[in-house]
Amino acid sequence: MSDIAILKEMINETATVPLQNRHDKMQVTLTEPPPVDYSITINGMPHNDDVIVIKADAFNSPKTVFKGNRGECKRADFVIVADTENKKVILCIEMKGGKGGSEKEIIQQLKGAECFVAYCRKIGQSFWKQQNFLSDYVYRFVSIREISIPKQKTRIERLSSNHDRPDRMLKISSPNFL
């Protein structure tokens, strides 16, 4: 059983985002519910069997256990896990409608999403008895801002070549098409 198949068995459908087929290409629309109420669409997604899109912030905050003084109760909005022919990637995405959210807070949210995936990895190893579950994936971290600000050109800021840590996230502003 593939890692994606295990995740689809593990994660409630209510905490996932379905892909849509548009002109024989897959896409996903990531939506933040009201009161913020904004969305972005990512085109060129892998085939449905090769990807799962998880609403990471649907996972209840662990505030009943942790104090949260260092941001350990925060999580990014979405996690995309993809297993394609070329690459196995875990993409953690935090979305902000306007210019809100400090960089420190976004880094904490991205770290929280990474911890959520680590928790899923341990569940797969312990309960599905798959010792290599999600072990050979690379992480990528993305912050998408100013979603609700119309008529601006999409701007991408790369702090490093591979945005493989929350503090080196890929920053996208005013996304029109992704």
Protein backbone atom coordinates (compact mmCIF):
# COMPACT_ATOMS: atom_id res chain seq x y z
CA MET A 1 0.00 0.00 0.00
CA SER A 2 1.39 3.40 -0.98
CA ASP A 3 1.97 6.20 1.52
CA ILE A 4 -0.78 8.25 -0.17
CA ALA A 5 -3.24 5.33 0.09
CA ILE A 6 -2.44 4.96 3.80
CA LEU A 7 -2.94 8.71 4.38
CA LYS A 8 -6.29 8.56 2.56
CA GLU A 9 -7.28 5.68 4.82
CA MET A 10 -5.99 7.50 7.92
CA ILE A 11 -7.30 11.06 7.41
CA ASN A 12 -11.03 11.87 7.59
CA GLU A 13 -12.45 13.06 4.27
CA THR A 14 -13.75 16.17 6.03
CA ALA A 15 -10.13 17.18 6.66
CA THR A 16 -9.11 16.81 3.01
CA VAL A 17 -9.62 18.91 -0.10
CA PRO A 18 -10.70 17.09 -3.28
CA LEU A 19 -8.99 17.66 -6.61
CA GLN A 20 -10.97 18.82 -9.62
CA ASN A 21 -10.42 17.80 -13.22
CA ARG A 22 -10.39 20.82 -15.49
CA HIS A 23 -9.59 20.35 -19.17
CA ASP A 24 -7.94 16.96 -18.43
CA LYS A 25 -5.63 18.55 -15.85
CA MET A 26 -5.95 18.31 -12.10
CA GLN A 27 -6.29 21.36 -9.87
CA VAL A 28 -7.15 22.09 -6.26
CA THR A 29 -8.79 25.11 -4.70
CA LEU A 30 -7.58 25.90 -1.19
CA THR A 31 -10.27 27.84 0.65
CA GLU A 32 -10.24 29.52 4.02
CA PRO A 33 -13.75 29.52 5.47
CA PRO A 34 -15.56 32.61 6.78
CA PRO A 35 -14.93 34.99 8.39
CA VAL A 36 -11.77 35.36 6.24
CA ASP A 37 -13.31 33.70 3.15
CA TYR A 38 -10.63 33.67 0.43
CA SER A 39 -9.16 30.99 -1.81
CA ILE A 40 -6.42 30.17 -4.28
CA THR A 41 -6.36 27.59 -7.04
CA ILE A 42 -3.28 25.51 -7.81
CA ASN A 43 -3.17 24.10 -11.33
CA GLY A 44 -1.11 21.16 -12.58
CA MET A 45 -1.63 18.90 -9.58
CA PRO A 46 -0.57 15.24 -9.79
CA HIS A 47 -3.16 12.56 -10.51
CA ASN A 48 -5.61 11.85 -7.68
CA ASP A 49 -3.91 8.57 -6.65
CA ASP A 50 -0.58 10.36 -6.23
CA VAL A 51 -1.61 13.22 -3.92
CA ILE A 52 -3.60 14.12 -0.83
CA VAL A 53 -4.44 17.66 0.26
CA ILE A 54 -5.01 17.96 4.02
CA LYS A 55 -6.54 20.87 5.92
CA ALA A 56 -3.91 20.77 8.67
CA ASP A 57 -5.69 23.34 10.82
CA ALA A 58 -8.76 21.04 10.97
CA PHE A 59 -6.72 19.07 13.54
CA ASN A 60 -7.84 20.33 16.95
CA SER A 61 -5.29 22.54 18.63
CA PRO A 62 -3.41 20.74 21.42
CA LYS A 63 -4.01 23.69 23.81
CA THR A 64 -5.39 21.34 26.45
CA VAL A 65 -1.91 19.77 26.72
CA PHE A 66 0.59 22.42 25.63
CA LYS A 67 0.84 25.99 26.93
CA GLY A 68 1.50 27.43 23.48
CA ASN A 69 4.06 29.97 24.69
CA ARG A 70 6.40 29.21 21.77
CA GLY A 71 3.75 28.72 19.09
CA GLU A 72 3.67 24.94 19.46
CA CYS A 73 -0.15 24.91 19.16
CA LYS A 74 -0.17 26.62 15.75
CA ARG A 75 -0.49 24.90 12.38
CA ALA A 76 -0.36 26.02 8.78
CA ASP A 77 -3.54 25.89 6.74
CA PHE A 78 -2.76 23.07 4.32
CA VAL A 79 -0.40 20.16 3.77
CA ILE A 80 -0.06 18.62 0.32
CA VAL A 81 1.62 15.22 0.15
CA ALA A 82 2.52 14.11 -3.38
CA ASP A 83 4.27 10.99 -4.65
CA THR A 84 5.05 11.42 -8.33
CA GLU A 85 7.48 9.65 -10.64
CA ASN A 86 10.04 12.41 -10.20
CA LYS A 87 9.67 13.49 -6.59
CA LYS A 88 8.10 12.77 -3.22
CA VAL A 89 7.23 16.07 -1.58
CA ILE A 90 5.38 17.38 1.47
CA LEU A 91 4.27 20.95 0.90
CA CYS A 92 3.20 23.00 3.94
CA ILE A 93 1.17 26.09 2.99
CA GLU A 94 0.10 29.05 5.11
CA MET A 95 -2.33 31.54 3.55
CA LYS A 96 -3.03 35.13 4.60
CA GLY A 97 -5.73 37.22 2.96
CA GLY A 98 -4.04 40.56 3.46
CA LYS A 99 -0.66 41.64 4.72
CA GLY A 100 -1.45 40.29 8.20
CA GLY A 101 0.56 37.79 10.15
CA SER A 102 4.10 38.36 11.26
CA GLU A 103 6.89 36.30 9.76
CA LYS A 104 7.53 34.78 13.21
CA GLU A 105 3.89 33.63 13.43
CA ILE A 106 3.97 32.17 9.90
CA ILE A 107 7.17 30.26 10.71
CA GLN A 108 5.47 28.85 13.84
CA GLN A 109 2.46 27.78 11.77
CA LEU A 110 4.69 26.08 9.19
CA LYS A 111 6.61 24.31 11.98
CA GLY A 112 3.28 23.16 13.43
CA ALA A 113 2.30 21.64 10.08
CA GLU A 114 5.66 19.84 9.99
CA CYS A 115 4.90 18.44 13.47
CA PHE A 116 1.43 17.36 12.29
CA VAL A 117 3.08 15.37 9.46
CA ALA A 118 5.55 13.85 11.95
CA TYR A 119 2.55 12.72 14.02
CA CYS A 120 0.96 11.16 10.93
CA ARG A 121 4.29 9.46 10.16
CA LYS A 122 4.37 7.87 13.63
CA ILE A 123 0.73 6.74 13.26
CA GLY A 124 1.59 5.06 9.94
CA GLN A 125 4.65 3.40 11.44
CA SER A 126 2.85 2.19 14.58
CA PHE A 127 -0.66 1.35 13.42
CA TRP A 128 -0.05 0.46 9.75
CA LYS A 129 3.31 -1.16 10.60
CA GLN A 130 5.07 0.70 7.76
CA GLN A 131 8.50 1.56 9.13
CA ASN A 132 9.44 3.72 6.12
CA PHE A 133 6.13 5.60 6.03
CA LEU A 134 6.70 9.15 4.66
CA SER A 135 10.43 8.77 5.31
CA ASP A 136 11.81 9.59 1.85
CA TYR A 137 9.85 12.79 1.20
CA VAL A 138 11.31 16.28 0.99
CA TYR A 139 9.64 19.22 2.71
CA ARG A 140 8.84 22.53 1.07
CA PHE A 141 7.34 25.51 2.90
CA VAL A 142 5.22 28.25 1.31
CA SER A 143 3.61 31.44 2.58
CA ILE A 144 0.90 32.93 0.36
CA ARG A 145 -0.17 36.49 1.26
CA GLU A 146 -2.33 39.31 0.03
CA ILE A 147 -4.79 36.84 -1.51
CA SER A 148 -7.75 39.15 -1.23
CA ILE A 149 -5.99 42.18 -2.73
CA PRO A 150 -7.16 42.37 -6.37
CA LYS A 151 -5.37 43.57 -9.49
CA GLN A 152 -1.82 43.19 -8.29
CA LYS A 153 0.85 41.24 -10.13
CA THR A 154 1.88 37.95 -8.51
CA ARG A 155 5.19 38.35 -6.67
CA ILE A 156 7.43 35.46 -5.63
CA GLU A 157 10.29 35.91 -3.17
CA ARG A 158 12.73 33.04 -2.79
CA LEU A 159 14.91 33.24 0.30
CA SER A 160 16.80 30.12 -0.76
CA SER A 161 16.90 27.76 -3.68
CA ASN A 162 14.80 25.02 -2.10
CA HIS A 163 12.65 26.52 0.71
CA ASP A 164 13.18 23.34 2.76
CA ARG A 165 12.78 24.95 6.19
CA PRO A 166 10.03 27.17 7.61
CA ASP A 167 12.47 30.07 8.04
CA ARG A 168 13.45 29.77 4.34
CA MET A 169 9.88 29.60 3.02
CA LEU A 170 8.88 30.52 -0.50
CA LYS A 171 6.87 33.74 -0.27
CA ILE A 172 4.12 34.38 -2.80
CA SER A 173 2.11 37.63 -2.77
CA SER A 174 -1.05 38.50 -4.70
CA PRO A 175 -1.37 35.11 -6.41
CA ASN A 176 -3.39 35.10 -9.60
CA PHE A 177 -2.59 31.60 -10.85
CA LEU A 178 -0.40 28.98 -9.21
